[in-house]
Amino acid sequence: MIALIDYKAGNLTSVRKAFAAIGADISVPAAPRDLDRARGIVVPGVGHFAATAALDRDWVGAIRAHVERGRPLLGICLGMQWLYEGSEEEPELPGLGALDGRCQLLRGDRTRRLKIPHVGWNALDMPRPSRLLAGLASGSHVYFTHSFAAPVTSDCVAATTHAERFAAAVERENVFGVQFHPEKSGEAGLHILRNFLDFCRSC
């Protein structure tokens, strides 16, 4: 069973439909204790980082315990940003802290005045092998809509550029994140969700 965390931050329905399309057994837990039965957890989301305040101490504790048991966690868009220590969008609000660093506003430079928020399709550059992106061709296009982004670090398994280069997908052991929306990215997005589902089933 894949648990979709509902913290009232947007795209739960479209993520649920995408997982259902690939044969996943989906639940939306009502309380942190309900995560005990989950093989994998997905934290979706769109909008302002302040929305993650709904993921209070009990939710954070249950999600961390899930990760410590070796079970997979996937953050999507705002959910990926929450995996980090925090974001300058809401500086006093901590993230999960599963990944090092903080998310920053896309700024670029004076020679590249691109529109923010970044909305549209970008190609993925994959610097190293990844379980989440296995079988996906480098250069595959996926759909983004965001203003803040994570830095390119050793956890980055795919990067792209809009105003500046940023992490499009990250992976550290059983913690995964994608800044784009796989549920809106056609076959490439479904391929990524299948990889995550396969990893959940193997754990």
C-alpha atoms as a PDB file:
ATOM      1  CA  MET A   1       0.000   0.000   0.000  1.00  0.00           C
ATOM      2  CA  ILE A   2       1.175   3.518  -0.890  1.00  0.00           C
ATOM      3  CA  ALA A   3       0.167   6.232   1.563  1.00  0.00           C
ATOM      4  CA  LEU A   4      -0.528   9.676   0.074  1.00  0.00           C
ATOM      5  CA  ILE A   5      -0.150  12.383   2.699  1.00  0.00           C
ATOM      6  CA  ASP A   6      -2.982  14.926   2.557  1.00  0.00           C
ATOM      7  CA  TYR A   7      -1.919  18.198   4.172  1.00  0.00           C
ATOM      8  CA  LYS A   8      -4.276  20.327   2.056  1.00  0.00           C
ATOM      9  CA  ALA A   9      -1.565  21.454  -0.364  1.00  0.00           C
ATOM     10  CA  GLY A  10      -2.991  20.738  -3.761  1.00  0.00           C
ATOM     11  CA  ASN A  11      -2.556  17.957  -6.256  1.00  0.00           C
ATOM     12  CA  LEU A  12      -3.612  14.883  -4.243  1.00  0.00           C
ATOM     13  CA  THR A  13      -6.315  13.814  -6.689  1.00  0.00           C
ATOM     14  CA  SER A  14      -4.089  13.834  -9.775  1.00  0.00           C
ATOM     15  CA  VAL A  15      -1.322  11.973  -7.936  1.00  0.00           C
ATOM     16  CA  ARG A  16      -3.816   9.383  -6.728  1.00  0.00           C
ATOM     17  CA  LYS A  17      -5.112   8.870 -10.288  1.00  0.00           C
ATOM     18  CA  ALA A  18      -1.589   8.435 -11.652  1.00  0.00           C
ATOM     19  CA  PHE A  19      -0.734   5.763  -9.088  1.00  0.00           C
ATOM     20  CA  ALA A  20      -4.061   4.023  -9.661  1.00  0.00           C
ATOM     21  CA  ALA A  21      -3.270   3.961 -13.405  1.00  0.00           C
ATOM     22  CA  ILE A  22      -0.140   1.891 -12.732  1.00  0.00           C
ATOM     23  CA  GLY A  23      -1.920  -0.535 -10.401  1.00  0.00           C
ATOM     24  CA  ALA A  24      -0.899   0.817  -7.013  1.00  0.00           C
ATOM     25  CA  ASP A  25      -2.961   0.185  -3.889  1.00  0.00           C
ATOM     26  CA  ILE A  26      -3.500   3.714  -2.517  1.00  0.00           C
ATOM     27  CA  SER A  27      -4.618   5.051   0.840  1.00  0.00           C
ATOM     28  CA  VAL A  28      -4.871   8.527   2.357  1.00  0.00           C
ATOM     29  CA  PRO A  29      -4.030   8.093   6.050  1.00  0.00           C
ATOM     30  CA  ALA A  30      -6.190  10.007   8.506  1.00  0.00           C
ATOM     31  CA  ALA A  31      -3.610   9.932  11.285  1.00  0.00           C
ATOM     32  CA  PRO A  32       0.157   9.343  11.617  1.00  0.00           C
ATOM     33  CA  ARG A  33      -0.372   5.901  13.185  1.00  0.00           C
ATOM     34  CA  ASP A  34      -1.955   4.765   9.900  1.00  0.00           C
ATOM     35  CA  LEU A  35       1.479   4.915   8.226  1.00  0.00           C
ATOM     36  CA  ASP A  36       2.526   1.714  10.004  1.00  0.00           C
ATOM     37  CA  ARG A  37       0.938  -0.399   7.240  1.00  0.00           C
ATOM     38  CA  ALA A  38       2.379   1.570   4.313  1.00  0.00           C
ATOM     39  CA  ARG A  39       5.030   0.080   2.021  1.00  0.00           C
ATOM     40  CA  GLY A  40       5.792   3.572   0.715  1.00  0.00           C
ATOM     41  CA  ILE A  41       4.873   7.173   1.476  1.00  0.00           C
ATOM     42  CA  VAL A  42       4.295   9.983  -1.017  1.00  0.00           C
ATOM     43  CA  VAL A  43       4.238  13.634   0.061  1.00  0.00           C
ATOM     44  CA  PRO A  44       2.798  15.635  -2.868  1.00  0.00           C
ATOM     45  CA  GLY A  45       2.036  19.348  -2.879  1.00  0.00           C
ATOM     46  CA  VAL A  46       1.951  22.662  -4.688  1.00  0.00           C
ATOM     47  CA  GLY A  47       2.021  26.216  -3.397  1.00  0.00           C
ATOM     48  CA  HIS A  48       3.699  27.988  -0.500  1.00  0.00           C
ATOM     49  CA  PHE A  49       6.133  26.251   1.863  1.00  0.00           C
ATOM     50  CA  ALA A  50       3.982  27.469   4.778  1.00  0.00           C
ATOM     51  CA  ALA A  51       1.489  24.715   3.895  1.00  0.00           C
ATOM     52  CA  THR A  52       3.948  22.124   5.227  1.00  0.00           C
ATOM     53  CA  ALA A  53       3.316  23.429   8.761  1.00  0.00           C
ATOM     54  CA  ALA A  54       0.365  21.018   8.748  1.00  0.00           C
ATOM     55  CA  LEU A  55       2.918  18.211   8.890  1.00  0.00           C
ATOM     56  CA  ASP A  56       3.306  18.567  12.632  1.00  0.00           C
ATOM     57  CA  ARG A  57       5.522  16.723  15.107  1.00  0.00           C
ATOM     58  CA  ASP A  58       3.408  13.561  15.040  1.00  0.00           C
ATOM     59  CA  TRP A  59       3.447  13.339  11.243  1.00  0.00           C
ATOM     60  CA  VAL A  60       7.172  14.080  11.111  1.00  0.00           C
ATOM     61  CA  GLY A  61       7.879  11.399  13.711  1.00  0.00           C
ATOM     62  CA  ALA A  62       5.823   8.791  11.867  1.00  0.00           C
ATOM     63  CA  ILE A  63       7.426   9.614   8.506  1.00  0.00           C
ATOM     64  CA  ARG A  64      10.927   9.500   9.979  1.00  0.00           C
ATOM     65  CA  ALA A  65      10.175   6.138  11.609  1.00  0.00           C
ATOM     66  CA  HIS A  66       8.991   4.833   8.222  1.00  0.00           C
ATOM     67  CA  VAL A  67      12.273   5.935   6.595  1.00  0.00           C
ATOM     68  CA  GLU A  68      14.341   4.454   9.421  1.00  0.00           C
ATOM     69  CA  ARG A  69      12.659   1.085   8.780  1.00  0.00           C
ATOM     70  CA  GLY A  70      14.082   1.249   5.262  1.00  0.00           C
ATOM     71  CA  ARG A  71      10.796   1.951   3.528  1.00  0.00           C
ATOM     72  CA  PRO A  72      10.646   4.411   0.604  1.00  0.00           C
ATOM     73  CA  LEU A  73       9.568   8.058   0.804  1.00  0.00           C
ATOM     74  CA  LEU A  74       8.850  10.216  -2.261  1.00  0.00           C
ATOM     75  CA  GLY A  75       8.345  13.982  -2.215  1.00  0.00           C
ATOM     76  CA  ILE A  76       6.735  15.683  -5.229  1.00  0.00           C
ATOM     77  CA  CYS A  77       7.211  19.406  -5.978  1.00  0.00           C
ATOM     78  CA  LEU A  78       6.536  21.156  -2.640  1.00  0.00           C
ATOM     79  CA  GLY A  79       6.821  17.713  -1.058  1.00  0.00           C
ATOM     80  CA  MET A  80      10.389  17.426  -2.384  1.00  0.00           C
ATOM     81  CA  GLN A  81      11.279  20.847  -0.970  1.00  0.00           C
ATOM     82  CA  TRP A  82       9.959  19.700   2.417  1.00  0.00           C
ATOM     83  CA  LEU A  83      12.514  16.857   2.435  1.00  0.00           C
ATOM     84  CA  TYR A  84      15.260  19.465   2.947  1.00  0.00           C
ATOM     85  CA  GLU A  85      16.192  21.439   6.040  1.00  0.00           C
ATOM     86  CA  GLY A  86      13.923  24.279   4.990  1.00  0.00           C
ATOM     87  CA  SER A  87      13.182  26.965   2.416  1.00  0.00           C
ATOM     88  CA  GLU A  88      13.769  30.682   2.229  1.00  0.00           C
ATOM     89  CA  GLU A  89      10.098  30.958   1.247  1.00  0.00           C
ATOM     90  CA  GLU A  90       9.241  30.447   4.950  1.00  0.00           C
ATOM     91  CA  PRO A  91      12.592  30.739   6.760  1.00  0.00           C
ATOM     92  CA  GLU A  92      11.409  29.928  10.291  1.00  0.00           C
ATOM     93  CA  LEU A  93       9.613  26.728   9.302  1.00  0.00           C
ATOM     94  CA  PRO A  94      11.804  23.600   9.273  1.00  0.00           C
ATOM     95  CA  GLY A  95      11.545  20.866   6.697  1.00  0.00           C
ATOM     96  CA  LEU A  96      11.945  17.154   7.359  1.00  0.00           C
ATOM     97  CA  GLY A  97      15.739  17.409   7.215  1.00  0.00           C
ATOM     98  CA  ALA A  98      16.193  14.098   5.383  1.00  0.00           C
ATOM     99  CA  LEU A  99      18.333  15.924   2.784  1.00  0.00           C
ATOM    100  CA  ASP A 100      21.006  18.551   3.388  1.00  0.00           C
ATOM    101  CA  GLY A 101      20.531  22.151   2.292  1.00  0.00           C
ATOM    102  CA  ARG A 102      17.769  24.691   1.865  1.00  0.00           C
ATOM    103  CA  CYS A 103      15.562  25.584  -1.078  1.00  0.00           C
ATOM    104  CA  GLN A 104      15.979  29.010  -2.662  1.00  0.00           C
ATOM    105  CA  LEU A 105      14.023  31.280  -4.998  1.00  0.00           C
ATOM    106  CA  LEU A 106      15.021  30.887  -8.644  1.00  0.00           C
ATOM    107  CA  ARG A 107      16.841  34.101  -9.523  1.00  0.00           C
ATOM    108  CA  GLY A 108      19.172  33.588 -12.478  1.00  0.00           C
ATOM    109  CA  ASP A 109      21.236  36.606 -13.446  1.00  0.00           C
ATOM    110  CA  ARG A 110      20.848  39.905 -15.285  1.00  0.00           C
ATOM    111  CA  THR A 111      21.493  38.278 -18.657  1.00  0.00           C
ATOM    112  CA  ARG A 112      18.761  35.629 -18.211  1.00  0.00           C
ATOM    113  CA  ARG A 113      15.521  37.267 -17.131  1.00  0.00           C
ATOM    114  CA  LEU A 114      13.271  34.253 -17.394  1.00  0.00           C
ATOM    115  CA  LYS A 115       9.729  34.167 -16.083  1.00  0.00           C
ATOM    116  CA  ILE A 116       9.197  33.083 -12.477  1.00  0.00           C
ATOM    117  CA  PRO A 117       7.339  30.945 -11.559  1.00  0.00           C
ATOM    118  CA  HIS A 118       8.824  28.373 -13.860  1.00  0.00           C
ATOM    119  CA  VAL A 119       5.919  26.661 -15.623  1.00  0.00           C
ATOM    120  CA  GLY A 120       6.414  24.214 -18.471  1.00  0.00           C
ATOM    121  CA  TRP A 121       8.404  21.301 -19.830  1.00  0.00           C
ATOM    122  CA  ASN A 122      12.155  20.888 -19.288  1.00  0.00           C
ATOM    123  CA  ALA A 123      14.646  18.169 -20.181  1.00  0.00           C
ATOM    124  CA  LEU A 124      16.366  16.130 -17.476  1.00  0.00           C
ATOM    125  CA  ASP A 125      20.147  15.880 -17.334  1.00  0.00           C
ATOM    126  CA  MET A 126      21.098  12.779 -15.348  1.00  0.00           C
ATOM    127  CA  PRO A 127      24.596  12.935 -13.821  1.00  0.00           C
ATOM    128  CA  ARG A 128      24.565   9.471 -12.232  1.00  0.00           C
ATOM    129  CA  PRO A 129      22.572   6.233 -12.131  1.00  0.00           C
ATOM    130  CA  SER A 130      19.333   6.245 -10.166  1.00  0.00           C
ATOM    131  CA  ARG A 131      16.771   3.658  -9.086  1.00  0.00           C
ATOM    132  CA  LEU A 132      13.998   6.244  -9.389  1.00  0.00           C
ATOM    133  CA  LEU A 133      14.921   7.175 -12.970  1.00  0.00           C
ATOM    134  CA  ALA A 134      16.149   3.755 -14.130  1.00  0.00           C
ATOM    135  CA  GLY A 135      15.245   3.100 -17.757  1.00  0.00           C
ATOM    136  CA  LEU A 136      14.422   6.745 -18.464  1.00  0.00           C
ATOM    137  CA  ALA A 137      16.465   8.362 -21.210  1.00  0.00           C
ATOM    138  CA  SER A 138      18.557  11.398 -20.370  1.00  0.00           C
ATOM    139  CA  GLY A 139      16.908  14.384 -22.021  1.00  0.00           C
ATOM    140  CA  SER A 140      13.385  13.171 -21.224  1.00  0.00           C
ATOM    141  CA  HIS A 141      10.970  16.061 -20.734  1.00  0.00           C
ATOM    142  CA  VAL A 142       8.854  16.499 -17.607  1.00  0.00           C
ATOM    143  CA  TYR A 143       6.455  19.174 -16.397  1.00  0.00           C
ATOM    144  CA  PHE A 144       7.379  21.819 -13.796  1.00  0.00           C
ATOM    145  CA  THR A 145       5.497  24.546 -11.971  1.00  0.00           C
ATOM    146  CA  HIS A 146       7.457  26.216  -9.135  1.00  0.00           C
ATOM    147  CA  SER A 147       9.363  29.290  -7.986  1.00  0.00           C
ATOM    148  CA  PHE A 148      11.697  27.730  -5.417  1.00  0.00           C
ATOM    149  CA  ALA A 149      14.157  24.904  -5.986  1.00  0.00           C
ATOM    150  CA  ALA A 150      16.755  22.735  -4.291  1.00  0.00           C
ATOM    151  CA  PRO A 151      20.512  23.020  -4.864  1.00  0.00           C
ATOM    152  CA  VAL A 152      22.474  20.582  -6.984  1.00  0.00           C
ATOM    153  CA  THR A 153      24.302  18.380  -4.458  1.00  0.00           C
ATOM    154  CA  SER A 154      25.582  14.806  -4.328  1.00  0.00           C
ATOM    155  CA  ASP A 155      21.953  13.685  -3.824  1.00  0.00           C
ATOM    156  CA  CYS A 156      20.961  15.056  -7.248  1.00  0.00           C
ATOM    157  CA  VAL A 157      20.171  12.365  -9.838  1.00  0.00           C
ATOM    158  CA  ALA A 158      18.675  14.759 -12.411  1.00  0.00           C
ATOM    159  CA  ALA A 159      19.099  18.478 -12.941  1.00  0.00           C
ATOM    160  CA  THR A 160      17.663  21.065 -15.290  1.00  0.00           C
ATOM    161  CA  THR A 161      17.938  24.789 -15.884  1.00  0.00           C
ATOM    162  CA  HIS A 162      15.500  27.684 -15.721  1.00  0.00           C
ATOM    163  CA  ALA A 163      17.120  30.964 -14.752  1.00  0.00           C
ATOM    164  CA  GLU A 164      19.688  28.758 -12.996  1.00  0.00           C
ATOM    165  CA  ARG A 165      20.588  25.095 -12.663  1.00  0.00           C
ATOM    166  CA  PHE A 166      18.725  23.237  -9.922  1.00  0.00           C
ATOM    167  CA  ALA A 167      17.958  19.726  -8.700  1.00  0.00           C
ATOM    168  CA  ALA A 168      15.047  18.197 -10.598  1.00  0.00           C
ATOM    169  CA  ALA A 169      15.247  14.775  -8.918  1.00  0.00           C
ATOM    170  CA  VAL A 170      17.104  13.593  -5.825  1.00  0.00           C
ATOM    171  CA  GLU A 171      17.821  10.272  -4.200  1.00  0.00           C
ATOM    172  CA  ARG A 172      19.476   9.288  -0.934  1.00  0.00           C
ATOM    173  CA  GLU A 173      19.078   5.631   0.015  1.00  0.00           C
ATOM    174  CA  ASN A 174      15.284   5.206   0.377  1.00  0.00           C
ATOM    175  CA  VAL A 175      14.436   8.942   0.215  1.00  0.00           C
ATOM    176  CA  PHE A 176      13.439  10.274  -3.215  1.00  0.00           C
ATOM    177  CA  GLY A 177      12.209  13.609  -4.510  1.00  0.00           C
ATOM    178  CA  VAL A 178      11.131  15.177  -7.795  1.00  0.00           C
ATOM    179  CA  GLN A 179      10.651  18.914  -8.291  1.00  0.00           C
ATOM    180  CA  PHE A 180       8.475  18.278 -11.342  1.00  0.00           C
ATOM    181  CA  HIS A 181       5.029  16.691 -11.449  1.00  0.00           C
ATOM    182  CA  PRO A 182       5.272  13.072 -12.645  1.00  0.00           C
ATOM    183  CA  GLU A 183       1.466  12.838 -12.611  1.00  0.00           C
ATOM    184  CA  LYS A 184       1.407  15.539 -15.331  1.00  0.00           C
ATOM    185  CA  SER A 185       4.461  14.360 -17.273  1.00  0.00           C
ATOM    186  CA  GLY A 186       2.959  11.734 -19.536  1.00  0.00           C
ATOM    187  CA  GLU A 187       4.659   8.377 -19.998  1.00  0.00           C
ATOM    188  CA  ALA A 188       7.961   9.627 -18.545  1.00  0.00           C
ATOM    189  CA  GLY A 189       6.195  10.533 -15.320  1.00  0.00           C
ATOM    190  CA  LEU A 190       4.352   7.224 -15.120  1.00  0.00           C
ATOM    191  CA  HIS A 191       7.647   5.418 -15.710  1.00  0.00           C
ATOM    192  CA  ILE A 192       9.137   7.175 -12.673  1.00  0.00           C
ATOM    193  CA  LEU A 193       6.125   6.321 -10.519  1.00  0.00           C
ATOM    194  CA  ARG A 194       6.368   2.680 -11.626  1.00  0.00           C
ATOM    195  CA  ASN A 195      10.012   2.612 -10.533  1.00  0.00           C
ATOM    196  CA  PHE A 196       9.030   3.986  -7.130  1.00  0.00           C
ATOM    197  CA  LEU A 197       6.194   1.463  -6.831  1.00  0.00           C
ATOM    198  CA  ASP A 198       8.531  -1.417  -7.747  1.00  0.00           C
ATOM    199  CA  PHE A 199      10.991  -0.269  -5.083  1.00  0.00           C
ATOM    200  CA  CYS A 200       8.188  -0.129  -2.503  1.00  0.00           C
ATOM    201  CA  ARG A 201       7.114  -3.654  -3.368  1.00  0.00           C
ATOM    202  CA  SER A 202      10.659  -4.947  -2.961  1.00  0.00           C
ATOM    203  CA  CYS A 203      11.120  -3.518   0.541  1.00  0.00           C
END
